[in-house]
Amino acid sequence: MTRDADTAERDARDLENRVAEGDPFTLFGEWLALAETKEPNDANAMALATSGADGLPDVRMVLLKGFDTAGFVFYTNTESQKGVELSQNMQAAGVLHWKSLRRQVRFRGPVERVSDGEADAYFASRARDSRIGAWASQQSRPLESRFALEKAVARQAARFGLSEVPRPPHWTGYRIRPVYIEFWMDKPFRLHDRHIFRRDTPEGSWTTERLYP
């Protein structure tokens, strides 16, 4: 067995053992921490899929900003395309793919807004220019020109001056409360490892299963 094959075999055995422990969030945290040491940019980049009342799916990249046993959290303008779709259909799916690790995790479930306190705390941690930008940007709506955006930013910067920049009422976080989580690991000849955690409700107990690749 080659060194690479030996490493892959150990990784596969470790994944199977970790899945058997029944804690997908701890396992996800370990994979994300490893990705943060390997990925050149944004290990927390996540493809987020939503759909609105028309049933047509949309997907875009966002940044995963937190997770715990309650779910996976991202932040956005509630008047954006995804915000509008989530107001119509509070279900979403996410996937993080780490090319350097040849691994990915995907999940889906109902969505809820985070508390005002949680949203305020995260917003306050952002760079000041980013906070001003959240006030200036009418996200997902038509924009006449780049200059129009820059003028809107300048107006908001002048408005707040040296004072604190509070969180806009149209900006908050969302938490995906997963009922399905899949851990995928690349293996030779496309015989990949796929392990899933599944439950009927976000409050339910997990069951695990291996899937054909």
N, C-alpha and C. Protein backbone atom coordinates (compact mmCIF):
# COMPACT_ATOMS: atom_id res chain seq x y z
N MET A 1 0.85 -1.20 0.00
CA MET A 1 0.00 0.00 0.00
C MET A 1 0.89 1.24 0.00
N THR A 2 0.59 2.19 -0.91
CA THR A 2 1.38 3.41 -0.97
C THR A 2 1.08 4.28 0.24
N ARG A 3 1.96 5.27 0.43
CA ARG A 3 1.76 6.17 1.57
C ARG A 3 0.43 6.91 1.47
N ASP A 4 0.10 7.42 0.25
CA ASP A 4 -1.17 8.13 0.07
C ASP A 4 -2.35 7.21 0.31
N ALA A 5 -2.27 5.98 -0.18
CA ALA A 5 -3.36 5.04 0.01
C ALA A 5 -3.51 4.67 1.48
N ASP A 6 -2.37 4.54 2.15
CA ASP A 6 -2.40 4.22 3.58
C ASP A 6 -3.06 5.35 4.37
N THR A 7 -2.72 6.58 4.03
CA THR A 7 -3.33 7.74 4.69
C THR A 7 -4.82 7.78 4.43
N ALA A 8 -5.22 7.54 3.18
CA ALA A 8 -6.64 7.55 2.83
C ALA A 8 -7.40 6.47 3.59
N GLU A 9 -6.78 5.32 3.74
CA GLU A 9 -7.43 4.23 4.47
C GLU A 9 -7.60 4.59 5.94
N ARG A 10 -6.61 5.20 6.53
CA ARG A 10 -6.72 5.63 7.93
C ARG A 10 -7.81 6.69 8.08
N ASP A 11 -7.86 7.64 7.12
CA ASP A 11 -8.89 8.68 7.18
C ASP A 11 -10.28 8.07 7.10
N ALA A 12 -10.44 7.08 6.22
CA ALA A 12 -11.75 6.43 6.07
C ALA A 12 -12.15 5.70 7.33
N ARG A 13 -11.21 5.00 7.96
CA ARG A 13 -11.52 4.30 9.21
C ARG A 13 -11.87 5.29 10.31
N ASP A 14 -11.13 6.41 10.35
CA ASP A 14 -11.40 7.43 11.36
C ASP A 14 -12.78 8.02 11.15
N LEU A 15 -13.16 8.29 9.89
CA LEU A 15 -14.49 8.83 9.61
C LEU A 15 -15.57 7.87 10.07
N GLU A 16 -15.41 6.60 9.78
CA GLU A 16 -16.42 5.62 10.19
C GLU A 16 -16.54 5.57 11.70
N ASN A 17 -15.42 5.63 12.40
CA ASN A 17 -15.46 5.61 13.87
C ASN A 17 -16.12 6.87 14.42
N ARG A 18 -15.82 8.02 13.82
CA ARG A 18 -16.39 9.27 14.31
C ARG A 18 -17.89 9.32 14.04
N VAL A 19 -18.32 8.80 12.90
CA VAL A 19 -19.76 8.75 12.61
C VAL A 19 -20.47 7.89 13.64
N ALA A 20 -19.84 6.78 14.01
CA ALA A 20 -20.45 5.87 14.98
C ALA A 20 -20.67 6.54 16.33
N GLU A 21 -19.91 7.58 16.64
CA GLU A 21 -20.09 8.29 17.91
C GLU A 21 -21.37 9.13 17.92
N GLY A 22 -21.95 9.38 16.75
CA GLY A 22 -23.27 10.01 16.68
C GLY A 22 -23.32 11.51 16.90
N ASP A 23 -22.20 12.21 16.73
CA ASP A 23 -22.17 13.67 16.97
C ASP A 23 -21.69 14.38 15.71
N PRO A 24 -22.60 14.77 14.81
CA PRO A 24 -22.16 15.38 13.56
C PRO A 24 -21.55 16.76 13.73
N PHE A 25 -21.93 17.49 14.76
CA PHE A 25 -21.42 18.86 14.91
C PHE A 25 -19.96 18.87 15.36
N THR A 26 -19.60 17.94 16.25
CA THR A 26 -18.20 17.83 16.63
C THR A 26 -17.35 17.40 15.44
N LEU A 27 -17.85 16.45 14.67
CA LEU A 27 -17.14 15.99 13.48
C LEU A 27 -17.00 17.13 12.48
N PHE A 28 -18.06 17.89 12.27
CA PHE A 28 -17.98 19.03 11.35
C PHE A 28 -16.94 20.03 11.83
N GLY A 29 -16.92 20.31 13.12
CA GLY A 29 -15.94 21.25 13.66
C GLY A 29 -14.52 20.80 13.42
N GLU A 30 -14.27 19.50 13.52
CA GLU A 30 -12.92 18.98 13.28
C GLU A 30 -12.54 19.14 11.81
N TRP A 31 -13.47 18.84 10.92
CA TRP A 31 -13.18 19.00 9.49
C TRP A 31 -12.97 20.46 9.13
N LEU A 32 -13.79 21.36 9.67
CA LEU A 32 -13.64 22.78 9.37
C LEU A 32 -12.30 23.30 9.90
N ALA A 33 -11.92 22.88 11.10
CA ALA A 33 -10.65 23.32 11.67
C ALA A 33 -9.48 22.85 10.80
N LEU A 34 -9.57 21.63 10.29
CA LEU A 34 -8.52 21.14 9.39
C LEU A 34 -8.51 21.93 8.09
N ALA A 35 -9.69 22.22 7.56
CA ALA A 35 -9.78 23.00 6.31
C ALA A 35 -9.17 24.38 6.48
N GLU A 36 -9.31 24.96 7.65
CA GLU A 36 -8.76 26.30 7.90
C GLU A 36 -7.23 26.31 7.85
N THR A 37 -6.61 25.15 8.02
CA THR A 37 -5.15 25.06 7.91
C THR A 37 -4.70 24.71 6.50
N LYS A 38 -5.62 24.30 5.63
CA LYS A 38 -5.26 23.82 4.30
C LYS A 38 -5.78 24.68 3.16
N GLU A 39 -6.99 25.22 3.31
CA GLU A 39 -7.60 25.98 2.22
C GLU A 39 -6.94 27.35 2.09
N PRO A 40 -6.62 27.78 0.87
CA PRO A 40 -5.96 29.08 0.71
C PRO A 40 -6.87 30.26 1.00
N ASN A 41 -8.17 30.09 0.78
CA ASN A 41 -9.12 31.20 0.99
C ASN A 41 -10.45 30.68 1.54
N ASP A 42 -10.95 31.33 2.57
CA ASP A 42 -12.33 31.14 3.01
C ASP A 42 -12.74 29.68 3.18
N ALA A 43 -12.16 29.02 4.15
CA ALA A 43 -12.56 27.65 4.44
C ALA A 43 -14.02 27.57 4.85
N ASN A 44 -14.59 28.68 5.29
CA ASN A 44 -15.99 28.71 5.72
C ASN A 44 -16.94 29.13 4.60
N ALA A 45 -16.46 29.18 3.35
CA ALA A 45 -17.33 29.50 2.22
C ALA A 45 -18.34 28.38 2.01
N MET A 46 -19.60 28.76 1.85
CA MET A 46 -20.69 27.79 1.79
C MET A 46 -21.62 28.13 0.64
N ALA A 47 -21.95 27.14 -0.18
CA ALA A 47 -22.99 27.32 -1.19
C ALA A 47 -24.33 27.17 -0.49
N LEU A 48 -25.15 28.21 -0.58
CA LEU A 48 -26.45 28.24 0.09
C LEU A 48 -27.55 28.17 -0.94
N ALA A 49 -28.43 27.18 -0.81
CA ALA A 49 -29.55 27.01 -1.74
C ALA A 49 -30.86 27.36 -1.05
N THR A 50 -31.67 28.17 -1.72
CA THR A 50 -32.99 28.55 -1.24
C THR A 50 -33.96 28.49 -2.41
N SER A 51 -35.25 28.56 -2.11
CA SER A 51 -36.26 28.69 -3.16
C SER A 51 -37.42 29.48 -2.61
N GLY A 52 -38.08 30.23 -3.49
CA GLY A 52 -39.19 31.07 -3.07
C GLY A 52 -40.53 30.44 -3.37
N ALA A 53 -41.55 31.29 -3.44
CA ALA A 53 -42.90 30.80 -3.67
C ALA A 53 -43.06 30.15 -5.04
N ASP A 54 -42.22 30.56 -6.01
CA ASP A 54 -42.33 29.97 -7.35
C ASP A 54 -41.68 28.61 -7.44
N GLY A 55 -40.97 28.18 -6.40
CA GLY A 55 -40.35 26.87 -6.39
C GLY A 55 -39.03 26.78 -7.12
N LEU A 56 -38.63 27.86 -7.80
CA LEU A 56 -37.36 27.84 -8.53
C LEU A 56 -36.20 27.96 -7.55
N PRO A 57 -35.20 27.08 -7.66
CA PRO A 57 -34.08 27.15 -6.72
C PRO A 57 -33.09 28.25 -7.09
N ASP A 58 -32.45 28.80 -6.08
CA ASP A 58 -31.34 29.74 -6.23
C ASP A 58 -30.19 29.23 -5.38
N VAL A 59 -28.97 29.49 -5.82
CA VAL A 59 -27.81 29.11 -5.02
C VAL A 59 -26.76 30.19 -5.18
N ARG A 60 -26.05 30.46 -4.07
CA ARG A 60 -24.98 31.45 -4.09
C ARG A 60 -24.00 31.14 -2.96
N MET A 61 -22.81 31.73 -3.05
CA MET A 61 -21.83 31.53 -2.00
C MET A 61 -22.02 32.56 -0.90
N VAL A 62 -22.00 32.08 0.34
CA VAL A 62 -22.02 32.95 1.52
C VAL A 62 -20.95 32.43 2.47
N LEU A 63 -20.75 33.14 3.57
CA LEU A 63 -19.80 32.68 4.57
C LEU A 63 -20.53 32.13 5.79
N LEU A 64 -20.18 30.92 6.17
CA LEU A 64 -20.70 30.34 7.40
C LEU A 64 -20.05 31.08 8.56
N LYS A 65 -20.86 31.71 9.41
CA LYS A 65 -20.31 32.54 10.47
C LYS A 65 -20.42 31.93 11.87
N GLY A 66 -20.99 30.77 11.96
CA GLY A 66 -21.07 30.11 13.26
C GLY A 66 -21.84 28.81 13.15
N PHE A 67 -21.60 27.93 14.09
CA PHE A 67 -22.38 26.70 14.17
C PHE A 67 -22.28 26.16 15.59
N ASP A 68 -23.30 25.45 15.98
CA ASP A 68 -23.31 24.71 17.24
C ASP A 68 -24.38 23.63 17.09
N THR A 69 -24.78 23.02 18.18
CA THR A 69 -25.75 21.94 18.08
C THR A 69 -27.12 22.42 17.62
N ALA A 70 -27.34 23.73 17.62
CA ALA A 70 -28.61 24.27 17.13
C ALA A 70 -28.63 24.40 15.61
N GLY A 71 -27.45 24.52 14.97
CA GLY A 71 -27.43 24.63 13.53
C GLY A 71 -26.31 25.50 13.00
N PHE A 72 -26.45 25.88 11.72
CA PHE A 72 -25.42 26.58 10.96
C PHE A 72 -25.90 28.00 10.64
N VAL A 73 -25.09 29.01 10.93
CA VAL A 73 -25.53 30.40 10.89
C VAL A 73 -24.82 31.20 9.79
N PHE A 74 -25.60 31.99 9.05
CA PHE A 74 -25.05 32.97 8.11
C PHE A 74 -25.85 34.26 8.27
N TYR A 75 -25.31 35.36 7.72
CA TYR A 75 -25.94 36.67 7.87
C TYR A 75 -26.18 37.30 6.50
N THR A 76 -27.24 38.10 6.43
CA THR A 76 -27.54 38.75 5.15
C THR A 76 -28.57 39.86 5.33
N ASN A 77 -28.79 40.59 4.25
CA ASN A 77 -29.85 41.58 4.15
C ASN A 77 -31.17 40.83 3.96
N THR A 78 -32.16 41.10 4.79
CA THR A 78 -33.43 40.37 4.69
C THR A 78 -34.22 40.75 3.44
N GLU A 79 -33.84 41.87 2.80
CA GLU A 79 -34.52 42.30 1.58
C GLU A 79 -33.80 41.83 0.32
N SER A 80 -32.73 41.05 0.48
CA SER A 80 -32.00 40.49 -0.65
C SER A 80 -32.83 39.35 -1.27
N GLN A 81 -32.35 38.82 -2.39
CA GLN A 81 -33.06 37.71 -3.03
C GLN A 81 -33.22 36.54 -2.08
N LYS A 82 -32.14 36.17 -1.39
CA LYS A 82 -32.25 35.03 -0.47
C LYS A 82 -33.13 35.36 0.72
N GLY A 83 -33.08 36.62 1.19
CA GLY A 83 -33.93 37.01 2.30
C GLY A 83 -35.40 36.92 1.94
N VAL A 84 -35.75 37.39 0.74
CA VAL A 84 -37.14 37.31 0.27
C VAL A 84 -37.56 35.85 0.13
N GLU A 85 -36.70 35.04 -0.47
CA GLU A 85 -37.05 33.62 -0.65
C GLU A 85 -37.22 32.93 0.69
N LEU A 86 -36.38 33.25 1.65
CA LEU A 86 -36.52 32.63 2.97
C LEU A 86 -37.80 33.08 3.66
N SER A 87 -38.27 34.28 3.39
CA SER A 87 -39.53 34.72 3.98
C SER A 87 -40.71 33.94 3.40
N GLN A 88 -40.53 33.41 2.19
CA GLN A 88 -41.59 32.65 1.53
C GLN A 88 -41.47 31.14 1.78
N ASN A 89 -40.26 30.68 2.02
CA ASN A 89 -40.02 29.25 2.22
C ASN A 89 -38.84 29.10 3.17
N MET A 90 -39.15 28.86 4.43
CA MET A 90 -38.10 28.81 5.46
C MET A 90 -37.43 27.44 5.50
N GLN A 91 -36.89 27.04 4.35
CA GLN A 91 -36.12 25.82 4.21
C GLN A 91 -34.88 26.16 3.40
N ALA A 92 -33.76 25.53 3.70
CA ALA A 92 -32.54 25.83 2.95
C ALA A 92 -31.59 24.64 3.02
N ALA A 93 -30.59 24.68 2.15
CA ALA A 93 -29.54 23.67 2.15
C ALA A 93 -28.21 24.36 1.96
N GLY A 94 -27.16 23.76 2.50
CA GLY A 94 -25.82 24.31 2.38
C GLY A 94 -24.82 23.22 2.09
N VAL A 95 -23.72 23.60 1.45
CA VAL A 95 -22.63 22.65 1.22
C VAL A 95 -21.31 23.39 1.32
N LEU A 96 -20.36 22.79 2.02
CA LEU A 96 -18.98 23.29 2.07
C LEU A 96 -18.10 22.23 1.42
N HIS A 97 -17.36 22.64 0.40
CA HIS A 97 -16.46 21.72 -0.31
C HIS A 97 -15.03 22.21 -0.15
N TRP A 98 -14.17 21.32 0.33
CA TRP A 98 -12.77 21.67 0.55
C TRP A 98 -11.91 20.88 -0.42
N LYS A 99 -11.52 21.53 -1.51
CA LYS A 99 -10.78 20.85 -2.57
C LYS A 99 -9.45 20.31 -2.06
N SER A 100 -8.79 21.08 -1.18
CA SER A 100 -7.48 20.66 -0.68
C SER A 100 -7.58 19.39 0.16
N LEU A 101 -8.73 19.17 0.79
CA LEU A 101 -8.93 17.97 1.62
C LEU A 101 -9.63 16.85 0.87
N ARG A 102 -10.23 17.20 -0.27
CA ARG A 102 -11.08 16.25 -0.99
C ARG A 102 -12.20 15.75 -0.09
N ARG A 103 -12.84 16.70 0.57
CA ARG A 103 -13.95 16.39 1.45
C ARG A 103 -15.04 17.45 1.27
N GLN A 104 -16.26 17.08 1.61
CA GLN A 104 -17.33 18.07 1.66
C GLN A 104 -18.38 17.64 2.68
N VAL A 105 -19.12 18.63 3.14
CA VAL A 105 -20.24 18.41 4.05
C VAL A 105 -21.44 19.15 3.49
N ARG A 106 -22.57 18.49 3.44
CA ARG A 106 -23.79 19.18 3.03
C ARG A 106 -24.89 18.92 4.04
N PHE A 107 -25.83 19.85 4.12
CA PHE A 107 -26.90 19.73 5.11
C PHE A 107 -28.13 20.48 4.61
N ARG A 108 -29.27 20.14 5.17
CA ARG A 108 -30.51 20.82 4.83
C ARG A 108 -31.47 20.75 6.00
N GLY A 109 -32.42 21.69 6.01
CA GLY A 109 -33.40 21.71 7.09
C GLY A 109 -34.15 23.02 7.14
N PRO A 110 -35.05 23.15 8.10
CA PRO A 110 -35.78 24.41 8.28
C PRO A 110 -34.84 25.51 8.76
N VAL A 111 -35.26 26.75 8.53
CA VAL A 111 -34.45 27.92 8.85
C VAL A 111 -35.20 28.80 9.84
N GLU A 112 -34.45 29.40 10.76
CA GLU A 112 -35.02 30.38 11.68
C GLU A 112 -34.09 31.58 11.74
N ARG A 113 -34.63 32.73 12.11
CA ARG A 113 -33.78 33.90 12.33
C ARG A 113 -33.07 33.76 13.67
N VAL A 114 -31.85 34.27 13.74
CA VAL A 114 -31.16 34.31 15.03
C VAL A 114 -31.79 35.40 15.88
N SER A 115 -31.49 35.41 17.16
CA SER A 115 -32.02 36.45 18.05
C SER A 115 -31.41 37.81 17.70
N ASP A 116 -32.11 38.88 18.09
CA ASP A 116 -31.58 40.22 17.87
C ASP A 116 -30.23 40.40 18.56
N GLY A 117 -30.09 39.83 19.75
CA GLY A 117 -28.83 39.95 20.47
C GLY A 117 -27.68 39.29 19.73
N GLU A 118 -27.95 38.12 19.16
CA GLU A 118 -26.91 37.42 18.41
C GLU A 118 -26.54 38.20 17.15
N ALA A 119 -27.55 38.72 16.45
CA ALA A 119 -27.29 39.51 15.24
C ALA A 119 -26.54 40.80 15.57
N ASP A 120 -26.93 41.46 16.66
CA ASP A 120 -26.25 42.69 17.07
C ASP A 120 -24.77 42.43 17.38
N ALA A 121 -24.51 41.35 18.09
CA ALA A 121 -23.14 41.03 18.49
C ALA A 121 -22.26 40.76 17.27
N TYR A 122 -22.78 40.00 16.31
CA TYR A 122 -21.98 39.73 15.13
C TYR A 122 -21.78 41.01 14.31
N PHE A 123 -22.86 41.79 14.13
CA PHE A 123 -22.74 43.02 13.33
C PHE A 123 -21.70 43.95 13.92
N ALA A 124 -21.66 44.05 15.24
CA ALA A 124 -20.69 44.93 15.91
C ALA A 124 -19.25 44.47 15.70
N SER A 125 -19.06 43.18 15.39
CA SER A 125 -17.71 42.66 15.19
C SER A 125 -17.18 42.95 13.79
N ARG A 126 -18.03 43.39 12.89
CA ARG A 126 -17.61 43.66 11.52
C ARG A 126 -16.83 44.97 11.43
N ALA A 127 -16.02 45.08 10.39
CA ALA A 127 -15.29 46.33 10.15
C ALA A 127 -16.28 47.47 9.96
N ARG A 128 -15.89 48.66 10.39
CA ARG A 128 -16.80 49.81 10.31
C ARG A 128 -17.28 50.05 8.88
N ASP A 129 -16.38 49.97 7.91
CA ASP A 129 -16.78 50.19 6.52
C ASP A 129 -17.81 49.16 6.06
N SER A 130 -17.70 47.94 6.56
CA SER A 130 -18.68 46.91 6.21
C SER A 130 -20.03 47.22 6.83
N ARG A 131 -20.02 47.75 8.05
CA ARG A 131 -21.28 48.13 8.70
C ARG A 131 -21.96 49.27 7.94
N ILE A 132 -21.16 50.24 7.51
CA ILE A 132 -21.72 51.34 6.72
C ILE A 132 -22.26 50.81 5.39
N GLY A 133 -21.54 49.88 4.79
CA GLY A 133 -21.99 49.29 3.54
C GLY A 133 -23.32 48.58 3.66
N ALA A 134 -23.58 47.98 4.82
CA ALA A 134 -24.85 47.30 5.03
C ALA A 134 -26.02 48.27 5.01
N TRP A 135 -25.78 49.51 5.44
CA TRP A 135 -26.81 50.55 5.37
C TRP A 135 -26.96 51.08 3.94
N ALA A 136 -25.86 51.15 3.21
CA ALA A 136 -25.88 51.78 1.89
C ALA A 136 -26.42 50.88 0.79
N SER A 137 -26.21 49.58 0.91
CA SER A 137 -26.55 48.66 -0.18
C SER A 137 -28.01 48.21 -0.13
N GLN A 138 -28.72 48.46 -1.22
CA GLN A 138 -30.07 47.90 -1.39
C GLN A 138 -29.91 46.55 -2.10
N GLN A 139 -29.44 45.58 -1.37
CA GLN A 139 -28.95 44.33 -1.94
C GLN A 139 -29.96 43.66 -2.86
N SER A 140 -29.47 43.22 -4.01
CA SER A 140 -30.22 42.47 -5.03
C SER A 140 -31.14 43.34 -5.88
N ARG A 141 -31.18 44.66 -5.63
CA ARG A 141 -32.02 45.53 -6.44
C ARG A 141 -31.18 46.24 -7.51
N PRO A 142 -31.82 46.69 -8.59
CA PRO A 142 -31.07 47.31 -9.69
C PRO A 142 -30.23 48.50 -9.21
N LEU A 143 -29.02 48.61 -9.77
CA LEU A 143 -28.08 49.68 -9.42
C LEU A 143 -27.69 50.41 -10.69
N GLU A 144 -27.89 51.72 -10.70
CA GLU A 144 -27.63 52.54 -11.89
C GLU A 144 -26.17 52.49 -12.31
N SER A 145 -25.27 52.59 -11.35
CA SER A 145 -23.84 52.61 -11.67
C SER A 145 -23.04 52.37 -10.39
N ARG A 146 -21.76 52.08 -10.57
CA ARG A 146 -20.87 51.95 -9.42
C ARG A 146 -20.81 53.26 -8.63
N PHE A 147 -20.83 54.36 -9.36
CA PHE A 147 -20.77 55.68 -8.71
C PHE A 147 -21.97 55.89 -7.79
N ALA A 148 -23.14 55.40 -8.19
CA ALA A 148 -24.33 55.54 -7.35
C ALA A 148 -24.15 54.80 -6.03
N LEU A 149 -23.51 53.65 -6.09
CA LEU A 149 -23.23 52.90 -4.85
C LEU A 149 -22.24 53.67 -3.98
N GLU A 150 -21.20 54.21 -4.60
CA GLU A 150 -20.21 54.95 -3.83
C GLU A 150 -20.82 56.20 -3.18
N LYS A 151 -21.75 56.85 -3.87
CA LYS A 151 -22.44 58.01 -3.28
C LYS A 151 -23.29 57.58 -2.09
N ALA A 152 -23.96 56.43 -2.21
CA ALA A 152 -24.79 55.94 -1.11
C ALA A 152 -23.93 55.63 0.11
N VAL A 153 -22.76 55.06 -0.12
CA VAL A 153 -21.83 54.78 0.98
C VAL A 153 -21.37 56.08 1.62
N ALA A 154 -21.03 57.07 0.80
CA ALA A 154 -20.58 58.37 1.33
C ALA A 154 -21.67 59.04 2.16
N ARG A 155 -22.91 58.95 1.71
CA ARG A 155 -24.02 59.54 2.47
C ARG A 155 -24.16 58.89 3.84
N GLN A 156 -24.06 57.56 3.88
CA GLN A 156 -24.19 56.86 5.16
C GLN A 156 -22.99 57.14 6.06
N ALA A 157 -21.80 57.23 5.47
CA ALA A 157 -20.62 57.55 6.28
C ALA A 157 -20.76 58.93 6.91
N ALA A 158 -21.28 59.90 6.15
CA ALA A 158 -21.49 61.25 6.68
C ALA A 158 -22.59 61.25 7.74
N ARG A 159 -23.59 60.45 7.53
CA ARG A 159 -24.71 60.37 8.48
C ARG A 159 -24.24 59.91 9.85
N PHE A 160 -23.40 58.88 9.87
CA PHE A 160 -22.97 58.33 11.16
C PHE A 160 -21.76 59.06 11.74
N GLY A 161 -20.98 59.73 10.88
CA GLY A 161 -19.83 60.47 11.38
C GLY A 161 -18.93 59.59 12.21
N LEU A 162 -18.65 60.02 13.44
CA LEU A 162 -17.79 59.24 14.34
C LEU A 162 -18.60 58.40 15.33
N SER A 163 -19.91 58.42 15.18
CA SER A 163 -20.76 57.66 16.12
C SER A 163 -20.78 56.17 15.76
N GLU A 164 -21.33 55.38 16.64
CA GLU A 164 -21.46 53.95 16.39
C GLU A 164 -22.40 53.70 15.21
N VAL A 165 -22.15 52.62 14.50
CA VAL A 165 -23.01 52.23 13.38
C VAL A 165 -23.83 51.03 13.82
N PRO A 166 -25.12 51.21 14.11
CA PRO A 166 -25.94 50.11 14.60
C PRO A 166 -26.33 49.16 13.47
N ARG A 167 -26.85 48.03 13.85
CA ARG A 167 -27.32 47.07 12.85
C ARG A 167 -28.60 47.57 12.19
N PRO A 168 -28.65 47.55 10.85
CA PRO A 168 -29.88 47.96 10.17
C PRO A 168 -31.03 47.00 10.50
N PRO A 169 -32.25 47.49 10.50
CA PRO A 169 -33.39 46.61 10.79
C PRO A 169 -33.60 45.54 9.73
N HIS A 170 -33.04 45.77 8.53
CA HIS A 170 -33.20 44.81 7.43
C HIS A 170 -31.99 43.88 7.31
N TRP A 171 -31.23 43.72 8.34
CA TRP A 171 -30.01 42.90 8.29
C TRP A 171 -29.99 42.00 9.52
N THR A 172 -29.85 40.69 9.30
CA THR A 172 -29.86 39.76 10.44
C THR A 172 -29.20 38.45 10.04
N GLY A 173 -29.26 37.49 10.95
CA GLY A 173 -28.71 36.17 10.70
C GLY A 173 -29.80 35.13 10.60
N TYR A 174 -29.46 34.04 9.92
CA TYR A 174 -30.36 32.90 9.79
C TYR A 174 -29.63 31.64 10.23
N ARG A 175 -30.38 30.76 10.83
CA ARG A 175 -29.81 29.48 11.29
C ARG A 175 -30.51 28.33 10.57
N ILE A 176 -29.73 27.53 9.85
CA ILE A 176 -30.26 26.30 9.27
C ILE A 176 -30.22 25.23 10.36
N ARG A 177 -31.37 24.68 10.69
CA ARG A 177 -31.48 23.67 11.74
C ARG A 177 -31.55 22.31 11.05
N PRO A 178 -30.44 21.64 10.89
CA PRO A 178 -30.39 20.50 9.98
C PRO A 178 -31.17 19.28 10.46
N VAL A 179 -31.81 18.64 9.49
CA VAL A 179 -32.41 17.33 9.72
C VAL A 179 -31.65 16.27 8.91
N TYR A 180 -30.68 16.74 8.13
CA TYR A 180 -29.87 15.84 7.29
C TYR A 180 -28.49 16.46 7.16
N ILE A 181 -27.46 15.68 7.44
CA ILE A 181 -26.07 16.11 7.26
C ILE A 181 -25.31 14.96 6.61
N GLU A 182 -24.59 15.26 5.55
CA GLU A 182 -23.80 14.23 4.87
C GLU A 182 -22.32 14.60 4.87
N PHE A 183 -21.50 13.66 5.24
CA PHE A 183 -20.04 13.79 5.19
C PHE A 183 -19.53 12.95 4.02
N TRP A 184 -18.81 13.61 3.12
CA TRP A 184 -18.31 12.96 1.91
C TRP A 184 -16.79 13.04 1.90
N MET A 185 -16.16 11.90 1.58
CA MET A 185 -14.69 11.86 1.50
C MET A 185 -14.28 11.17 0.21
N ASP A 186 -13.39 11.81 -0.53
CA ASP A 186 -12.91 11.26 -1.79
C ASP A 186 -12.14 9.96 -1.57
N LYS A 187 -12.41 8.99 -2.44
CA LYS A 187 -11.66 7.72 -2.45
C LYS A 187 -11.30 7.38 -3.89
N PRO A 188 -10.29 6.52 -4.10
CA PRO A 188 -9.88 6.18 -5.47
C PRO A 188 -11.01 5.56 -6.29
N PHE A 189 -10.93 5.77 -7.60
CA PHE A 189 -11.84 5.15 -8.57
C PHE A 189 -13.30 5.56 -8.34
N ARG A 190 -13.49 6.73 -7.75
CA ARG A 190 -14.83 7.28 -7.48
C ARG A 190 -15.64 6.42 -6.51
N LEU A 191 -14.98 5.60 -5.75
CA LEU A 191 -15.66 4.78 -4.73
C LEU A 191 -15.61 5.54 -3.41
N HIS A 192 -16.23 6.70 -3.41
CA HIS A 192 -16.12 7.63 -2.29
C HIS A 192 -16.87 7.12 -1.06
N ASP A 193 -16.49 7.67 0.09
CA ASP A 193 -17.19 7.39 1.34
C ASP A 193 -18.26 8.45 1.56
N ARG A 194 -19.49 7.98 1.84
CA ARG A 194 -20.60 8.89 2.15
C ARG A 194 -21.30 8.38 3.40
N HIS A 195 -21.32 9.21 4.42
CA HIS A 195 -22.00 8.87 5.67
C HIS A 195 -23.00 9.97 5.97
N ILE A 196 -24.21 9.59 6.35
CA ILE A 196 -25.24 10.59 6.63
C ILE A 196 -25.76 10.47 8.06
N PHE A 197 -26.15 11.62 8.58
CA PHE A 197 -26.90 11.73 9.82
C PHE A 197 -28.29 12.23 9.43
N ARG A 198 -29.32 11.58 9.96
CA ARG A 198 -30.69 11.95 9.59
C ARG A 198 -31.58 11.96 10.83
N ARG A 199 -32.55 12.88 10.87
CA ARG A 199 -33.55 12.89 11.93
C ARG A 199 -34.83 13.51 11.39
N ASP A 200 -35.95 13.22 12.02
CA ASP A 200 -37.24 13.69 11.50
C ASP A 200 -37.47 15.17 11.76
N THR A 201 -36.99 15.67 12.89
CA THR A 201 -37.16 17.08 13.25
C THR A 201 -35.84 17.60 13.82
N PRO A 202 -35.67 18.93 13.89
CA PRO A 202 -34.44 19.48 14.47
C PRO A 202 -34.25 19.13 15.94
N GLU A 203 -35.30 18.70 16.61
CA GLU A 203 -35.19 18.32 18.02
C GLU A 203 -34.98 16.82 18.19
N GLY A 204 -35.06 16.06 17.10
CA GLY A 204 -35.02 14.61 17.18
C GLY A 204 -33.62 14.05 17.37
N SER A 205 -33.56 12.74 17.51
CA SER A 205 -32.28 12.03 17.66
C SER A 205 -31.77 11.62 16.28
N TRP A 206 -30.47 11.60 16.16
CA TRP A 206 -29.84 11.25 14.89
C TRP A 206 -29.80 9.74 14.68
N THR A 207 -30.01 9.34 13.44
CA THR A 207 -29.67 7.99 13.00
C THR A 207 -28.59 8.15 11.93
N THR A 208 -27.77 7.14 11.74
CA THR A 208 -26.69 7.23 10.76
C THR A 208 -26.81 6.11 9.74
N GLU A 209 -26.22 6.37 8.59
CA GLU A 209 -26.30 5.41 7.49
C GLU A 209 -25.17 5.68 6.52
N ARG A 210 -24.68 4.62 5.89
CA ARG A 210 -23.70 4.77 4.81
C ARG A 210 -24.44 4.68 3.48
N LEU A 211 -24.03 5.50 2.51
CA LEU A 211 -24.65 5.50 1.20
C LEU A 211 -23.68 5.01 0.14
N TYR A 212 -24.22 4.41 -0.92
CA TYR A 212 -23.41 4.13 -2.09
C TYR A 212 -22.86 5.45 -2.64
N PRO A 213 -21.66 5.44 -3.21
CA PRO A 213 -21.11 6.67 -3.79
C PRO A 213 -21.85 7.05 -5.08
